[in-house]
Protein backbone atom coordinates (compact mmCIF):
# COMPACT_ATOMS: atom_id res chain seq x y z
CA MET A 1 -31.68 10.47 9.14
CA ILE A 2 -28.40 10.15 7.22
CA GLN A 3 -26.97 13.30 8.82
CA HIS A 4 -26.79 11.49 12.19
CA LYS A 5 -24.72 8.71 10.63
CA LEU A 6 -22.28 11.17 9.07
CA SER A 7 -21.47 13.28 12.12
CA GLY A 8 -18.43 12.54 14.26
CA ALA A 9 -15.37 11.35 12.34
CA GLY A 10 -15.19 9.95 8.86
CA ILE A 11 -11.89 8.80 7.41
CA ALA A 12 -10.50 10.20 4.18
CA LEU A 13 -9.23 6.76 3.17
CA ILE A 14 -5.87 6.39 1.42
CA THR A 15 -5.29 4.21 -1.65
CA PRO A 16 -2.35 1.85 -1.07
CA PHE A 17 -0.17 0.92 -4.03
CA THR A 18 2.18 -1.98 -4.70
CA PRO A 19 5.84 -1.18 -5.47
CA ASP A 20 4.96 -1.15 -9.19
CA ARG A 21 2.20 1.41 -8.47
CA LYS A 22 -0.79 -0.83 -8.96
CA ILE A 23 -3.64 -0.65 -6.46
CA ASP A 24 -2.85 -2.89 -3.49
CA TYR A 25 -6.25 -4.37 -2.73
CA PRO A 26 -5.13 -6.63 0.15
CA ALA A 27 -3.61 -3.58 1.87
CA LEU A 28 -6.77 -1.60 1.18
CA ALA A 29 -8.82 -4.34 2.84
CA ARG A 30 -6.49 -4.28 5.87
CA MET A 31 -6.86 -0.52 6.14
CA ILE A 32 -10.66 -0.73 6.07
CA ASP A 33 -10.66 -3.34 8.83
CA TYR A 34 -8.11 -1.37 10.86
CA VAL A 35 -10.11 1.85 10.94
CA ILE A 36 -13.46 0.14 11.51
CA GLU A 37 -11.94 -1.76 14.45
CA GLY A 38 -10.57 1.61 15.63
CA GLY A 39 -14.10 2.97 15.87
CA VAL A 40 -14.41 5.29 12.87
CA ASP A 41 -17.97 6.54 12.29
CA TYR A 42 -17.89 6.26 8.48
CA ILE A 43 -15.53 5.91 5.52
CA VAL A 44 -14.97 8.38 2.70
CA ALA A 45 -13.56 6.82 -0.47
CA LEU A 46 -11.98 8.57 -3.46
CA GLY A 47 -11.25 11.92 -1.84
CA THR A 48 -8.07 13.97 -2.06
CA THR A 49 -6.20 11.65 0.33
CA ALA A 50 -6.97 8.68 -1.94
CA GLU A 51 -4.76 10.17 -4.70
CA THR A 52 -7.90 10.18 -6.82
CA PRO A 53 -6.43 12.53 -9.50
CA THR A 54 -3.96 9.77 -10.40
CA LEU A 55 -6.61 7.05 -10.60
CA TYR A 56 -8.14 6.30 -13.97
CA LEU A 57 -11.93 6.48 -14.13
CA HIS A 58 -12.29 2.70 -14.38
CA GLU A 59 -9.94 2.30 -11.39
CA ARG A 60 -12.10 4.65 -9.34
CA ALA A 61 -15.17 2.61 -10.15
CA VAL A 62 -13.44 -0.64 -9.11
CA VAL A 63 -12.02 0.91 -5.92
CA ALA A 64 -15.46 2.22 -4.95
CA MET A 65 -16.99 -1.23 -5.51
CA PHE A 66 -14.20 -2.99 -3.61
CA ILE A 67 -14.50 -0.67 -0.60
CA SER A 68 -18.27 -1.02 -0.57
CA ASN A 69 -18.06 -4.81 -0.71
CA HIS A 70 -15.41 -5.02 2.00
CA ILE A 71 -17.22 -2.67 4.37
CA ALA A 72 -20.24 -4.94 3.97
CA GLY A 73 -22.54 -2.54 5.77
CA ARG A 74 -20.41 -2.26 8.92
CA VAL A 75 -20.20 1.54 8.71
CA PRO A 76 -21.69 4.14 6.33
CA LEU A 77 -19.84 4.90 3.10
CA VAL A 78 -19.39 8.21 1.30
CA ILE A 79 -17.90 8.13 -2.22
CA GLY A 80 -16.04 11.03 -3.77
CA VAL A 81 -17.62 12.07 -7.05
CA GLY A 82 -16.12 15.28 -8.38
CA GLY A 83 -14.24 16.94 -11.20
CA ASN A 84 -13.65 20.21 -12.98
CA SER A 85 -16.17 19.39 -15.71
CA THR A 86 -19.80 19.17 -14.65
CA SER A 87 -20.58 16.69 -17.42
CA GLU A 88 -17.73 14.44 -16.23
CA VAL A 89 -19.23 14.42 -12.73
CA LEU A 90 -22.55 13.34 -14.22
CA ASP A 91 -20.71 10.54 -16.07
CA GLN A 92 -19.32 9.31 -12.75
CA LEU A 93 -22.78 9.37 -11.19
CA ARG A 94 -23.97 7.11 -14.01
CA GLU A 95 -20.95 4.77 -14.12
CA PHE A 96 -20.12 4.21 -10.45
CA ASP A 97 -22.02 1.57 -8.52
CA LEU A 98 -23.46 3.75 -5.76
CA ARG A 99 -26.07 1.32 -4.49
CA SER A 100 -24.25 0.59 -1.23
CA ALA A 101 -23.15 4.18 -0.60
CA ASP A 102 -24.93 6.56 1.76
CA ALA A 103 -23.81 9.87 0.20
CA ILE A 104 -21.35 11.41 -2.22
CA LEU A 105 -18.64 13.97 -1.49
CA SER A 106 -18.31 16.43 -4.35
CA VAL A 107 -15.43 18.90 -4.54
CA THR A 108 -15.70 22.36 -6.05
CA PRO A 109 -14.44 22.29 -9.66
CA TYR A 110 -10.70 22.88 -9.71
CA TYR A 111 -8.20 24.64 -11.98
CA ASN A 112 -10.75 26.47 -14.13
CA LYS A 113 -11.72 28.75 -11.20
CA PRO A 114 -15.49 29.21 -11.69
CA SER A 115 -17.30 32.22 -10.28
CA GLN A 116 -19.64 31.88 -7.32
CA GLU A 117 -22.54 31.69 -9.79
CA GLY A 118 -20.66 28.98 -11.69
CA LEU A 119 -20.23 27.01 -8.46
CA TYR A 120 -23.94 27.36 -7.74
CA GLN A 121 -24.93 26.19 -11.23
CA HIS A 122 -22.49 23.27 -11.03
CA PHE A 123 -23.91 21.96 -7.77
CA LYS A 124 -27.46 22.68 -8.93
CA THR A 125 -26.85 20.35 -11.86
CA VAL A 126 -25.16 17.71 -9.69
CA SER A 127 -28.02 17.83 -7.17
CA GLU A 128 -30.55 17.33 -9.94
CA HIS A 129 -28.80 14.15 -11.12
CA SER A 130 -27.43 12.60 -7.94
CA PRO A 131 -29.21 9.50 -6.65
CA LEU A 132 -27.64 10.10 -3.23
CA PRO A 133 -27.36 12.95 -0.70
CA ILE A 134 -24.45 15.30 -1.39
CA ILE A 135 -21.73 16.66 0.88
CA LEU A 136 -20.03 19.68 -0.65
CA TYR A 137 -16.23 19.89 -0.42
CA ASN A 138 -14.55 23.29 -0.28
CA ILE A 139 -10.74 23.18 -0.39
CA PRO A 140 -9.48 26.36 -2.07
CA GLY A 141 -5.82 25.56 -1.42
CA ARG A 142 -6.13 22.75 -3.97
CA THR A 143 -8.88 23.93 -6.29
CA GLY A 144 -7.90 27.58 -6.75
CA VAL A 145 -11.33 28.91 -5.80
CA ASN A 146 -13.04 29.45 -2.46
CA MET A 147 -16.75 28.76 -2.18
CA THR A 148 -18.02 31.53 0.06
CA ALA A 149 -20.35 31.02 2.99
CA GLN A 150 -23.07 32.82 1.05
CA THR A 151 -22.79 30.40 -1.89
CA THR A 152 -22.70 27.37 0.41
CA LEU A 153 -25.83 28.56 2.21
CA ARG A 154 -27.59 29.36 -1.07
CA ILE A 155 -26.95 25.83 -2.36
CA ALA A 156 -27.97 24.26 0.96
CA ASN A 157 -31.21 26.23 1.12
CA ASP A 158 -32.17 25.55 -2.49
CA PHE A 159 -31.36 21.82 -2.70
CA ARG A 160 -32.48 19.60 0.15
CA ASN A 161 -30.36 16.66 -1.01
CA VAL A 162 -27.25 18.75 -0.28
CA ILE A 163 -26.85 17.70 3.34
CA GLY A 164 -23.52 19.18 4.42
CA ILE A 165 -20.09 20.55 3.64
CA LYS A 166 -16.53 19.45 4.27
CA GLU A 167 -14.96 22.84 4.92
CA ALA A 168 -11.20 22.90 4.33
CA SER A 169 -10.78 26.62 3.67
CA GLY A 170 -8.96 27.09 6.98
CA ASN A 171 -11.09 30.19 7.49
CA ILE A 172 -12.81 29.78 10.83
CA GLU A 173 -14.85 32.96 10.34
CA GLN A 174 -16.27 31.58 7.09
CA MET A 175 -17.13 28.33 8.86
CA GLN A 176 -18.76 30.27 11.68
CA GLU A 177 -20.97 32.14 9.21
CA ILE A 178 -22.18 28.84 7.79
CA LEU A 179 -22.82 27.53 11.30
CA ASN A 180 -24.78 30.66 12.22
CA LEU A 181 -27.06 30.63 9.18
CA ARG A 182 -27.35 26.98 8.12
CA ARG A 183 -30.60 25.07 8.12
CA PRO A 184 -30.90 22.81 11.20
CA ASP A 185 -30.07 19.53 9.43
CA PHE A 186 -27.06 20.81 7.44
CA LEU A 187 -23.75 19.23 8.49
CA VAL A 188 -20.60 21.33 8.84
CA LEU A 189 -17.54 19.07 8.87
CA SER A 190 -13.92 20.08 9.25
CA GLY A 191 -11.56 19.26 6.42
CA ASP A 192 -8.56 19.96 8.64
CA ASP A 193 -7.67 17.65 11.52
CA ALA A 194 -6.05 20.46 13.47
CA LEU A 195 -9.18 22.65 13.35
CA THR A 196 -11.66 19.92 14.28
CA LEU A 197 -12.03 20.59 17.99
CA GLU A 198 -12.26 24.35 17.44
CA LEU A 199 -15.00 23.86 14.85
CA MET A 200 -16.90 21.37 17.02
CA SER A 201 -16.71 23.72 20.01
CA ARG A 202 -18.51 26.29 17.83
CA GLY A 203 -21.27 23.84 16.89
CA GLY A 204 -19.67 21.91 14.03
CA ASP A 205 -20.56 18.28 13.49
CA GLY A 206 -17.19 16.57 13.14
CA VAL A 207 -14.40 15.94 10.65
CA ILE A 208 -13.46 14.01 7.56
CA SER A 209 -10.04 13.09 8.85
CA VAL A 210 -6.67 12.17 7.38
CA ALA A 211 -5.12 11.29 10.76
CA VAL A 212 -7.72 8.58 11.46
CA ASN A 213 -5.95 6.46 8.82
CA ALA A 214 -2.99 6.02 11.17
CA PHE A 215 -4.37 6.65 14.64
CA PRO A 216 -8.05 5.68 14.64
CA GLU A 217 -8.49 4.83 18.32
CA LYS A 218 -6.77 7.95 19.64
CA MET A 219 -8.48 10.25 17.14
CA MET A 220 -11.88 8.72 17.81
CA HIS A 221 -11.36 9.14 21.56
CA CYS A 222 -10.87 12.90 20.98
CA ILE A 223 -13.88 13.16 18.69
CA ASN A 224 -16.15 11.17 20.97
CA LEU A 225 -15.24 13.40 23.93
CA ALA A 226 -16.03 16.46 21.79
CA LYS A 227 -19.37 14.96 20.70
CA ARG A 228 -20.28 14.68 24.38
CA GLY A 229 -19.34 18.32 24.94
CA ASP A 230 -16.15 17.56 26.92
CA PHE A 231 -13.88 19.89 24.98
CA GLU A 232 -11.34 20.21 27.78
CA GLY A 233 -10.97 16.44 27.85
CA ALA A 234 -10.83 16.30 24.05
CA ARG A 235 -8.06 18.90 23.89
CA LYS A 236 -6.04 17.04 26.51
CA ALA A 237 -6.50 13.79 24.62
CA TYR A 238 -5.39 15.48 21.39
CA GLN A 239 -2.08 16.66 22.86
CA CYS A 240 -0.40 13.32 22.12
CA LEU A 241 -1.46 13.65 18.46
CA ASP A 242 -0.64 17.30 17.87
CA GLU A 243 2.96 16.89 16.70
CA ALA A 244 2.15 13.84 14.58
CA VAL A 245 -0.71 15.62 12.82
CA THR A 246 1.56 18.60 12.12
CA ALA A 247 4.23 16.28 10.71
CA MET A 248 1.58 14.58 8.61
CA PHE A 249 1.18 17.70 6.48
CA ALA A 250 4.80 18.93 6.48
CA GLU A 251 5.48 17.38 3.05
CA GLY A 252 1.90 17.48 1.78
CA ASN A 253 -1.05 15.12 1.82
CA PRO A 254 -1.18 12.16 1.28
CA THR A 255 2.63 11.96 1.35
CA GLY A 256 2.67 12.44 5.12
CA ILE A 257 -0.06 9.99 6.04
CA LYS A 258 1.37 7.30 3.77
CA CYS A 259 4.79 7.84 5.33
CA ALA A 260 3.27 7.43 8.81
CA LEU A 261 1.38 4.28 7.79
CA ALA A 262 4.47 2.78 6.17
CA THR A 263 6.48 3.53 9.31
CA MET A 264 3.83 1.62 11.27
CA GLY A 265 4.05 -1.30 8.83
CA LEU A 266 0.43 -0.95 7.67
CA ILE A 267 1.09 -0.25 3.97
CA GLY A 268 3.96 0.25 1.57
CA ASP A 269 5.18 3.81 1.07
CA THR A 270 4.42 4.07 -2.66
CA MET A 271 2.87 7.06 -4.41
CA ARG A 272 1.93 7.71 -8.02
CA LEU A 273 3.78 10.51 -9.75
CA PRO A 274 3.76 13.44 -9.57
CA LEU A 275 3.57 12.68 -5.84
CA VAL A 276 6.63 11.12 -4.22
CA SER A 277 7.23 9.31 -0.96
CA GLY A 278 8.14 11.08 2.27
CA THR A 279 11.77 11.85 2.99
CA PRO A 280 13.87 9.74 5.35
CA GLN A 281 13.76 12.68 7.76
CA LEU A 282 9.95 12.57 7.84
CA ALA A 283 9.96 8.80 8.42
CA ALA A 284 12.43 9.28 11.28
CA LYS A 285 10.17 11.96 12.76
CA PHE A 286 7.19 9.60 12.71
CA ARG A 287 9.22 6.82 14.33
CA GLU A 288 10.21 9.25 17.07
CA LEU A 289 6.67 10.55 17.68
CA ILE A 290 5.02 7.13 17.52
CA ALA A 291 7.43 5.85 20.16
CA LYS A 292 7.28 9.01 22.30
CA TYR A 293 3.47 9.13 22.48
CA ASP A 294 2.74 5.40 22.11
CA LEU A 295 0.64 6.00 18.99
CA ARG A 296 0.57 2.43 17.67
């Protein structure tokens, strides 16, 4: 069952750029190999961390195909397919090559702030047209609207191809309500690295992680301990990552993770406007923390 493959830790994969802001495919290939070798359970392409809003539609399609080809079946693949127009999401479902993907991640429509009924109707339509299982993505800090636990559960109960949710509301009570009332095979995944162990201790299934981009082995060690029910061990293992994860979001995402990766020499520190690179102070902080906690 696909839900078993998509528990644990998936990576919200970044999109590296060359200094002239073109997609850096050699660096993208290196990143894929790096996180697979680090033990990641699956890869999520074209999410928030991938700077997807600055990628043209044809670029997204090529990136999805490139990632799929380079993974070559080594780990499962989830592809982000979302937008604030339902018809545009259906266009992506038609135009992207999804044959090698295992599921899609679909964010709540942003900016236009639909009602809860609008969210339900949007995902009803997406579920009726998607050739793949769907993971919902709730991130109200970016979209301007929170999908309530009641709406999430209504969608999950009505559409069996909706198999889980990446919950990035930061509201642990809302997540707990979903955990309490979900159907048995419905995944609840953290969208916040810092809340992952708390959510898993309550019965959650894992995380779609930003931090795994930079620190795959150490993050996967924490997650694997939590999967075995050793939460004390997982929390101790996470202590060396705590400050780095906090720093990762101090100037926003993906600014922080790209700054960390550039400091480690894994990619260049280039963003597409309106996002800008991390400050020298943030880079210095990462150099300090990477040395202090031996995070390479």
